[in-house]
Amino acid sequence: MILEAALLGGLTGWLMGGGLRWARRRRVRALPLVFCALAVEGLVGFGWPFALFPGASARTPLLLAAAILKYGIMAAFFALNLKRPGMPLMLAGNLANALVVLANGGRMPIGPWISVFSGFGEEARSRIEASPDYFLAEGNAHLLFLGDVLPFRGLFRTMISPGDILVAAGLFLFVVAWLRRPDTRSGHKPGGRDAQIRRIKPRAFM
């Protein structure tokens, strides 16, 4: 859903006359933080922390530490750019996802009804069981209503959470505003070059 929101935001911004040349003028603060958070998620997904610290007793502490690090980094990024359009929504979605993940020992619960939705099936259940940071909630999840309980069909079939919806909505608004062409209909800024010329002109004829 996040990818679809970014693509739709880019298309909308382009249809509104925006483009990358305008986006380059709008700096985003602390952008490397996003890549750091993605790196943490990738390391957990591939199971590298568990290879370094094997044993069932270390699994939950490692997952919790990774979740705190990932969501904390993203929260810092959103907070640093909070005045940008869409950032408050993304911050709220990030916090909602962090809350349910931390409440479940560093793992995101997925609705047990996933197998009844067309296009998911038993293969999806087996992938979830093999994932280190997701689990199939079968009466043993906290705050399940904040988990991945909603089926979504976009470029990929997946389950999404309410937090994901907030993040996607915020990302759409951010990308549209980021690409937007500056509004020049209001005229030149006070004190700009034209204003300076107007102040100089009377003296030229004295």
Protein backbone atom coordinates (compact mmCIF):
# COMPACT_ATOMS: atom_id res chain seq x y z
CA MET A 1 0.00 0.00 0.00
CA ILE A 2 2.90 2.35 0.70
CA LEU A 3 4.29 1.91 -2.80
CA GLU A 4 0.87 2.52 -4.35
CA ALA A 5 0.45 5.71 -2.30
CA ALA A 6 3.83 7.02 -3.45
CA LEU A 7 3.10 6.24 -7.10
CA LEU A 8 -0.38 7.75 -6.94
CA GLY A 9 1.00 10.86 -5.24
CA GLY A 10 3.65 11.20 -7.94
CA LEU A 11 1.07 10.84 -10.70
CA THR A 12 -1.26 13.35 -9.05
CA GLY A 13 1.54 15.84 -8.55
CA TRP A 14 2.61 15.49 -12.17
CA LEU A 15 -0.97 15.95 -13.44
CA MET A 16 -1.16 19.14 -11.35
CA GLY A 17 1.85 20.53 -13.20
CA GLY A 18 4.50 19.53 -10.71
CA GLY A 19 7.78 17.76 -11.28
CA LEU A 20 11.14 16.79 -9.86
CA ARG A 21 12.66 20.20 -10.67
CA TRP A 22 10.34 21.72 -8.05
CA ALA A 23 10.92 18.84 -5.61
CA ARG A 24 14.67 19.46 -5.65
CA ARG A 25 14.06 22.91 -4.19
CA ARG A 26 12.22 21.45 -1.19
CA ARG A 27 14.72 19.87 1.14
CA VAL A 28 13.67 17.01 3.37
CA ARG A 29 15.50 16.97 6.67
CA ALA A 30 17.41 13.90 7.91
CA LEU A 31 16.47 11.71 4.92
CA PRO A 32 19.22 9.12 5.73
CA LEU A 33 17.15 8.15 8.79
CA VAL A 34 14.62 6.48 6.47
CA PHE A 35 17.34 4.27 4.99
CA CYS A 36 18.59 3.40 8.46
CA ALA A 37 15.10 2.24 9.48
CA LEU A 38 14.78 0.20 6.27
CA ALA A 39 18.16 -1.38 6.99
CA VAL A 40 17.00 -2.44 10.46
CA GLU A 41 13.84 -3.96 8.98
CA GLY A 42 15.86 -5.78 6.34
CA LEU A 43 18.28 -7.23 8.88
CA VAL A 44 15.40 -8.59 10.95
CA GLY A 45 13.62 -9.93 7.87
CA PHE A 46 16.68 -11.90 6.84
CA GLY A 47 17.18 -13.15 10.38
CA TRP A 48 20.74 -11.89 10.83
CA PRO A 49 20.34 -10.81 14.48
CA PHE A 50 19.13 -14.31 15.38
CA ALA A 51 22.15 -15.86 13.67
CA LEU A 52 24.44 -13.72 15.81
CA PHE A 53 22.49 -14.44 19.01
CA PRO A 54 20.90 -17.89 18.65
CA GLY A 55 18.51 -19.28 21.17
CA ALA A 56 14.81 -18.84 21.88
CA SER A 57 15.49 -16.73 24.97
CA ALA A 58 17.18 -14.00 22.90
CA ARG A 59 14.51 -13.84 20.20
CA THR A 60 11.95 -11.58 21.91
CA PRO A 61 14.51 -9.09 23.31
CA LEU A 62 16.10 -8.82 19.87
CA LEU A 63 12.74 -8.25 18.18
CA LEU A 64 11.77 -5.63 20.74
CA ALA A 65 15.11 -3.84 20.40
CA ALA A 66 14.82 -3.83 16.59
CA ALA A 67 11.24 -2.54 16.74
CA ILE A 68 12.14 0.26 19.14
CA LEU A 69 15.08 1.22 16.93
CA LYS A 70 13.14 1.11 13.66
CA TYR A 71 10.03 2.94 14.83
CA GLY A 72 12.07 5.35 16.91
CA ILE A 73 14.18 6.32 13.90
CA MET A 74 11.09 6.85 11.77
CA ALA A 75 9.38 8.86 14.50
CA ALA A 76 12.44 11.13 14.67
CA PHE A 77 12.35 11.60 10.90
CA PHE A 78 8.65 12.49 10.88
CA ALA A 79 9.07 14.83 13.85
CA LEU A 80 11.95 16.68 12.19
CA ASN A 81 9.78 17.26 9.12
CA LEU A 82 6.49 17.72 10.94
CA LYS A 83 5.63 20.97 9.16
CA ARG A 84 5.63 19.20 5.79
CA PRO A 85 2.22 18.16 4.40
CA GLY A 86 1.33 14.60 5.36
CA MET A 87 4.01 14.21 8.02
CA PRO A 88 1.61 14.37 11.01
CA LEU A 89 -0.44 11.54 9.48
CA MET A 90 2.67 9.45 8.89
CA LEU A 91 3.85 10.07 12.44
CA ALA A 92 0.46 8.94 13.81
CA GLY A 93 0.51 5.81 11.65
CA ASN A 94 4.07 5.01 12.69
CA LEU A 95 3.14 5.31 16.36
CA ALA A 96 0.05 3.11 15.88
CA ASN A 97 2.15 0.39 14.27
CA ALA A 98 4.81 0.72 16.93
CA LEU A 99 2.22 0.36 19.70
CA VAL A 100 0.81 -2.93 18.42
CA VAL A 101 4.25 -4.36 17.57
CA LEU A 102 5.72 -3.55 20.98
CA ALA A 103 2.62 -4.91 22.71
CA ASN A 104 3.24 -8.24 20.95
CA GLY A 105 6.91 -8.73 21.72
CA GLY A 106 8.29 -7.03 18.62
CA ARG A 107 6.04 -8.82 16.12
CA MET A 108 3.11 -7.59 14.04
CA PRO A 109 -0.06 -9.71 14.42
CA ILE A 110 -1.93 -10.67 11.27
CA GLY A 111 -5.66 -11.43 11.30
CA PRO A 112 -6.32 -15.17 11.39
CA TRP A 113 -8.98 -14.77 8.69
CA ILE A 114 -6.33 -14.13 6.03
CA SER A 115 -6.82 -17.60 4.53
CA VAL A 116 -10.51 -16.98 3.78
CA PHE A 117 -9.78 -14.02 1.51
CA SER A 118 -9.44 -14.83 -2.17
CA GLY A 119 -5.85 -14.68 -3.36
CA PHE A 120 -4.15 -15.42 -0.04
CA GLY A 121 -4.68 -19.07 0.87
CA GLU A 122 -2.56 -21.49 2.85
CA GLU A 123 0.67 -20.37 1.17
CA ALA A 124 0.31 -16.99 2.85
CA ARG A 125 -0.13 -18.68 6.23
CA SER A 126 3.08 -20.66 5.74
CA ARG A 127 5.01 -17.50 4.82
CA ILE A 128 3.73 -15.75 7.93
CA GLU A 129 4.78 -18.65 10.14
CA ALA A 130 8.27 -18.51 8.65
CA SER A 131 8.59 -14.74 9.17
CA PRO A 132 10.49 -13.65 12.30
CA ASP A 133 8.60 -10.39 12.86
CA TYR A 134 5.01 -11.38 11.98
CA PHE A 135 2.67 -13.97 13.44
CA LEU A 136 -0.80 -15.27 12.77
CA ALA A 137 -3.04 -14.05 15.58
CA GLU A 138 -5.29 -16.80 16.84
CA GLY A 139 -6.63 -15.44 20.08
CA ASN A 140 -3.18 -14.67 21.45
CA ALA A 141 -2.58 -11.12 20.21
CA HIS A 142 -2.74 -7.79 21.99
CA LEU A 143 -4.36 -4.76 20.29
CA LEU A 144 -5.24 -6.89 17.28
CA PHE A 145 -7.44 -4.10 15.87
CA LEU A 146 -4.22 -2.16 15.21
CA GLY A 147 -2.53 -5.11 13.50
CA ASP A 148 -2.54 -6.25 9.89
CA VAL A 149 -6.21 -7.14 9.78
CA LEU A 150 -7.38 -5.54 6.51
CA PRO A 151 -6.90 -7.23 3.13
CA PHE A 152 -5.52 -5.00 0.39
CA ARG A 153 -5.17 -5.67 -3.31
CA GLY A 154 -2.84 -3.31 -5.09
CA LEU A 155 0.32 -4.15 -6.94
CA PHE A 156 0.63 -6.95 -4.41
CA ARG A 157 -1.88 -8.81 -2.26
CA THR A 158 -1.21 -8.11 1.37
CA MET A 159 -2.74 -7.38 4.76
CA ILE A 160 -2.52 -3.87 6.11
CA SER A 161 -3.07 -2.15 9.44
CA PRO A 162 -4.88 1.08 10.34
CA GLY A 163 -1.42 2.57 10.89
CA ASP A 164 -0.46 1.63 7.34
CA ILE A 165 -3.50 3.52 6.04
CA LEU A 166 -2.44 6.65 7.93
CA VAL A 167 1.13 6.35 6.66
CA ALA A 168 -0.07 5.84 3.07
CA ALA A 169 -2.45 8.82 3.25
CA GLY A 170 0.31 11.02 4.64
CA LEU A 171 2.79 9.83 2.04
CA PHE A 172 0.33 10.63 -0.76
CA LEU A 173 -0.15 14.18 0.54
CA PHE A 174 3.58 14.64 1.03
CA VAL A 175 4.53 13.50 -2.49
CA VAL A 176 1.86 15.71 -4.10
CA ALA A 177 3.06 18.75 -2.15
CA TRP A 178 6.73 17.88 -2.74
CA LEU A 179 6.28 17.82 -6.51
CA ARG A 180 3.89 20.76 -6.67
CA ARG A 181 4.77 23.73 -8.85
CA PRO A 182 5.25 26.89 -6.75
CA ASP A 183 2.30 29.25 -6.87
CA THR A 184 3.43 32.53 -8.45
CA ARG A 185 -0.03 34.01 -9.01
CA SER A 186 0.23 36.10 -5.87
CA GLY A 187 3.02 38.15 -7.44
CA HIS A 188 6.58 38.77 -6.32
CA LYS A 189 7.61 38.72 -2.72
CA PRO A 190 7.90 42.08 -0.99
CA GLY A 191 11.43 43.31 -1.04
CA GLY A 192 12.33 41.28 -4.13
CA ARG A 193 14.22 42.46 -7.20
CA ASP A 194 11.19 44.25 -8.70
CA ALA A 195 10.60 46.15 -5.49
CA GLN A 196 14.25 47.25 -5.45
CA ILE A 197 14.00 48.47 -9.06
CA ARG A 198 10.85 50.45 -8.24
CA ARG A 199 12.68 52.15 -5.38
CA ILE A 200 15.63 53.01 -7.61
CA LYS A 201 13.69 54.29 -10.62
CA PRO A 202 12.56 57.65 -9.15
CA ARG A 203 16.17 58.52 -8.38
CA ALA A 204 17.25 57.85 -11.96
CA PHE A 205 15.23 60.80 -13.28
CA MET A 206 16.31 63.34 -10.70
